[in-house]
Amino acid sequence: MRNSNTMRRDFSIRDEEERDLLLSETWCHVCNDSDLGMVEPYEYEANGTIFLEGKCIECGNVIVTEIDALGTAR
């Protein structure tokens, strides 16, 4: 999760297809299900790793996805 040692990144500069893919490839620990989707995305970097944080579309729980250098969710 983000903290004072994180650097915000501009999620909106990614192309639409990539944004849609990243927002849909999610895992929610509360729903215990994948690919439910995410709203309110916040992209940031911490210790050289890029993350996308948002809220699960189904339950509203905060979820975090790690993004690799190629822009795909891990």
N, C-alpha and C. Protein backbone atom coordinates (compact mmCIF):
# COMPACT_ATOMS: atom_id res chain seq x y z
N MET A 1 0.83 -1.18 0.00
CA MET A 1 0.00 0.00 0.00
C MET A 1 0.87 1.24 0.00
N ARG A 2 0.32 2.30 -0.51
CA ARG A 2 1.10 3.53 -0.62
C ARG A 2 1.35 4.16 0.75
N ASN A 3 2.47 4.86 0.82
CA ASN A 3 2.84 5.58 2.04
C ASN A 3 3.68 6.78 1.65
N SER A 4 4.35 7.38 2.61
CA SER A 4 5.13 8.59 2.34
C SER A 4 6.35 8.32 1.46
N ASN A 5 6.75 7.07 1.30
CA ASN A 5 7.92 6.73 0.47
C ASN A 5 7.53 6.35 -0.96
N THR A 6 6.29 6.63 -1.35
CA THR A 6 5.84 6.27 -2.69
C THR A 6 5.81 7.51 -3.58
N MET A 7 5.95 7.26 -4.88
CA MET A 7 5.91 8.34 -5.86
C MET A 7 4.71 8.12 -6.77
N ARG A 8 3.81 9.09 -6.82
CA ARG A 8 2.62 8.97 -7.67
C ARG A 8 3.02 8.97 -9.13
N ARG A 9 2.32 8.15 -9.92
CA ARG A 9 2.52 8.08 -11.37
C ARG A 9 1.19 8.43 -12.04
N ASP A 10 1.25 8.87 -13.29
CA ASP A 10 0.05 9.30 -14.01
C ASP A 10 -0.55 8.13 -14.79
N PHE A 11 -1.55 7.50 -14.21
CA PHE A 11 -2.21 6.35 -14.84
C PHE A 11 -2.87 6.75 -16.16
N SER A 12 -3.31 7.99 -16.29
CA SER A 12 -4.05 8.43 -17.48
C SER A 12 -3.19 8.49 -18.74
N ILE A 13 -1.86 8.47 -18.60
CA ILE A 13 -1.02 8.53 -19.81
C ILE A 13 -0.89 7.17 -20.50
N ARG A 14 -1.31 6.12 -19.82
CA ARG A 14 -1.32 4.79 -20.46
C ARG A 14 -2.43 4.79 -21.51
N ASP A 15 -2.24 4.01 -22.59
CA ASP A 15 -3.29 3.99 -23.61
C ASP A 15 -4.54 3.30 -23.06
N GLU A 16 -5.67 3.58 -23.69
CA GLU A 16 -6.97 3.12 -23.18
C GLU A 16 -7.04 1.60 -23.04
N GLU A 17 -6.51 0.88 -24.00
CA GLU A 17 -6.53 -0.59 -23.96
C GLU A 17 -5.77 -1.12 -22.75
N GLU A 18 -4.59 -0.53 -22.49
CA GLU A 18 -3.78 -0.95 -21.35
C GLU A 18 -4.48 -0.61 -20.04
N ARG A 19 -5.07 0.59 -19.94
CA ARG A 19 -5.81 0.96 -18.72
C ARG A 19 -6.95 -0.02 -18.46
N ASP A 20 -7.72 -0.31 -19.50
CA ASP A 20 -8.85 -1.23 -19.35
C ASP A 20 -8.39 -2.61 -18.88
N LEU A 21 -7.29 -3.09 -19.45
CA LEU A 21 -6.75 -4.39 -19.06
C LEU A 21 -6.32 -4.39 -17.59
N LEU A 22 -5.58 -3.35 -17.18
CA LEU A 22 -5.11 -3.28 -15.80
C LEU A 22 -6.25 -3.12 -14.81
N LEU A 23 -7.30 -2.41 -15.19
CA LEU A 23 -8.44 -2.23 -14.30
C LEU A 23 -9.29 -3.49 -14.17
N SER A 24 -9.19 -4.38 -15.14
CA SER A 24 -10.00 -5.60 -15.09
C SER A 24 -9.26 -6.79 -14.50
N GLU A 25 -7.94 -6.84 -14.61
CA GLU A 25 -7.16 -7.96 -14.08
C GLU A 25 -6.82 -7.71 -12.61
N THR A 26 -7.73 -8.09 -11.75
CA THR A 26 -7.59 -7.80 -10.32
C THR A 26 -7.82 -9.05 -9.48
N TRP A 27 -7.47 -8.94 -8.21
CA TRP A 27 -7.78 -9.99 -7.23
C TRP A 27 -8.26 -9.30 -5.96
N CYS A 28 -9.43 -9.71 -5.48
CA CYS A 28 -9.96 -9.15 -4.24
C CYS A 28 -9.91 -10.23 -3.17
N HIS A 29 -9.23 -9.92 -2.06
CA HIS A 29 -9.12 -10.87 -0.96
C HIS A 29 -10.41 -11.01 -0.18
N VAL A 30 -11.25 -9.99 -0.22
CA VAL A 30 -12.54 -10.06 0.49
C VAL A 30 -13.53 -10.91 -0.31
N CYS A 31 -13.65 -10.62 -1.60
CA CYS A 31 -14.54 -11.40 -2.47
C CYS A 31 -13.96 -12.78 -2.78
N ASN A 32 -12.63 -12.91 -2.60
CA ASN A 32 -11.92 -14.15 -2.91
C ASN A 32 -12.17 -14.57 -4.37
N ASP A 33 -12.03 -13.56 -5.26
CA ASP A 33 -12.29 -13.81 -6.68
C ASP A 33 -11.40 -12.89 -7.53
N SER A 34 -11.20 -13.31 -8.76
CA SER A 34 -10.35 -12.54 -9.67
C SER A 34 -11.18 -11.82 -10.72
N ASP A 35 -10.55 -10.82 -11.33
CA ASP A 35 -11.07 -10.11 -12.49
C ASP A 35 -12.45 -9.48 -12.27
N LEU A 36 -12.69 -8.99 -11.05
CA LEU A 36 -13.95 -8.32 -10.75
C LEU A 36 -13.92 -6.86 -11.21
N GLY A 37 -12.74 -6.31 -11.28
CA GLY A 37 -12.57 -4.93 -11.71
C GLY A 37 -12.24 -3.99 -10.57
N MET A 38 -11.77 -2.81 -10.93
CA MET A 38 -11.30 -1.82 -9.97
C MET A 38 -11.78 -0.44 -10.40
N VAL A 39 -12.14 0.39 -9.43
CA VAL A 39 -12.48 1.79 -9.68
C VAL A 39 -11.56 2.67 -8.84
N GLU A 40 -11.53 3.95 -9.14
CA GLU A 40 -10.69 4.92 -8.44
C GLU A 40 -9.21 4.52 -8.46
N PRO A 41 -8.66 4.27 -9.66
CA PRO A 41 -7.25 3.83 -9.75
C PRO A 41 -6.27 4.91 -9.32
N TYR A 42 -5.23 4.47 -8.66
CA TYR A 42 -4.13 5.34 -8.21
C TYR A 42 -2.84 4.58 -8.48
N GLU A 43 -2.06 5.06 -9.44
CA GLU A 43 -0.80 4.38 -9.79
C GLU A 43 0.35 5.04 -9.04
N TYR A 44 1.24 4.21 -8.51
CA TYR A 44 2.40 4.73 -7.79
C TYR A 44 3.57 3.77 -7.88
N GLU A 45 4.74 4.29 -7.54
CA GLU A 45 5.96 3.49 -7.53
C GLU A 45 6.54 3.49 -6.13
N ALA A 46 6.97 2.32 -5.68
CA ALA A 46 7.59 2.17 -4.37
C ALA A 46 8.75 1.20 -4.50
N ASN A 47 9.94 1.63 -4.12
CA ASN A 47 11.13 0.78 -4.16
C ASN A 47 11.35 0.16 -5.54
N GLY A 48 11.10 0.93 -6.59
CA GLY A 48 11.33 0.45 -7.95
C GLY A 48 10.24 -0.43 -8.52
N THR A 49 9.17 -0.64 -7.80
CA THR A 49 8.06 -1.47 -8.28
C THR A 49 6.84 -0.57 -8.49
N ILE A 50 6.11 -0.81 -9.58
CA ILE A 50 4.93 -0.02 -9.91
C ILE A 50 3.69 -0.77 -9.44
N PHE A 51 2.77 -0.04 -8.80
CA PHE A 51 1.53 -0.60 -8.29
C PHE A 51 0.34 0.19 -8.79
N LEU A 52 -0.80 -0.48 -8.86
CA LEU A 52 -2.07 0.17 -9.15
C LEU A 52 -3.00 -0.19 -8.00
N GLU A 53 -3.49 0.83 -7.32
CA GLU A 53 -4.37 0.63 -6.17
C GLU A 53 -5.73 1.23 -6.50
N GLY A 54 -6.77 0.57 -6.06
CA GLY A 54 -8.13 1.06 -6.28
C GLY A 54 -9.09 0.31 -5.40
N LYS A 55 -10.37 0.43 -5.72
CA LYS A 55 -11.41 -0.25 -4.95
C LYS A 55 -12.08 -1.32 -5.80
N CYS A 56 -12.33 -2.47 -5.20
CA CYS A 56 -13.03 -3.57 -5.87
C CYS A 56 -14.43 -3.09 -6.27
N ILE A 57 -14.80 -3.37 -7.50
CA ILE A 57 -16.12 -2.98 -7.99
C ILE A 57 -17.23 -3.68 -7.20
N GLU A 58 -17.00 -4.90 -6.77
CA GLU A 58 -18.03 -5.67 -6.08
C GLU A 58 -18.25 -5.24 -4.63
N CYS A 59 -17.16 -5.11 -3.86
CA CYS A 59 -17.32 -4.88 -2.41
C CYS A 59 -16.74 -3.56 -1.90
N GLY A 60 -15.95 -2.88 -2.72
CA GLY A 60 -15.36 -1.61 -2.31
C GLY A 60 -14.07 -1.73 -1.52
N ASN A 61 -13.61 -2.96 -1.28
CA ASN A 61 -12.35 -3.18 -0.57
C ASN A 61 -11.18 -2.62 -1.38
N VAL A 62 -10.18 -2.07 -0.70
CA VAL A 62 -8.98 -1.58 -1.40
C VAL A 62 -8.18 -2.78 -1.89
N ILE A 63 -7.85 -2.75 -3.18
CA ILE A 63 -7.05 -3.82 -3.78
C ILE A 63 -5.82 -3.19 -4.45
N VAL A 64 -4.74 -3.95 -4.51
CA VAL A 64 -3.49 -3.46 -5.09
C VAL A 64 -2.99 -4.50 -6.09
N THR A 65 -2.61 -4.03 -7.26
CA THR A 65 -2.05 -4.88 -8.29
C THR A 65 -0.63 -4.41 -8.60
N GLU A 66 0.31 -5.33 -8.66
CA GLU A 66 1.67 -5.01 -9.06
C GLU A 66 1.73 -5.03 -10.58
N ILE A 67 2.35 -4.01 -11.16
CA ILE A 67 2.48 -3.91 -12.62
C ILE A 67 3.93 -4.15 -12.98
N ASP A 68 4.18 -5.06 -13.92
CA ASP A 68 5.57 -5.32 -14.30
C ASP A 68 6.03 -4.28 -15.33
N ALA A 69 7.28 -4.35 -15.71
CA ALA A 69 7.89 -3.35 -16.60
C ALA A 69 7.20 -3.30 -17.96
N LEU A 70 6.54 -4.37 -18.35
CA LEU A 70 5.84 -4.40 -19.64
C LEU A 70 4.43 -3.85 -19.54
N GLY A 71 4.01 -3.47 -18.32
CA GLY A 71 2.68 -2.89 -18.14
C GLY A 71 1.59 -3.92 -17.95
N THR A 72 1.96 -5.14 -17.55
CA THR A 72 0.95 -6.17 -17.31
C THR A 72 0.83 -6.45 -15.82
N ALA A 73 -0.35 -6.81 -15.41
CA ALA A 73 -0.60 -7.10 -14.00
C ALA A 73 0.03 -8.41 -13.60
N ARG A 74 0.54 -8.44 -12.34
CA ARG A 74 1.12 -9.67 -11.80
C ARG A 74 0.39 -10.02 -10.53
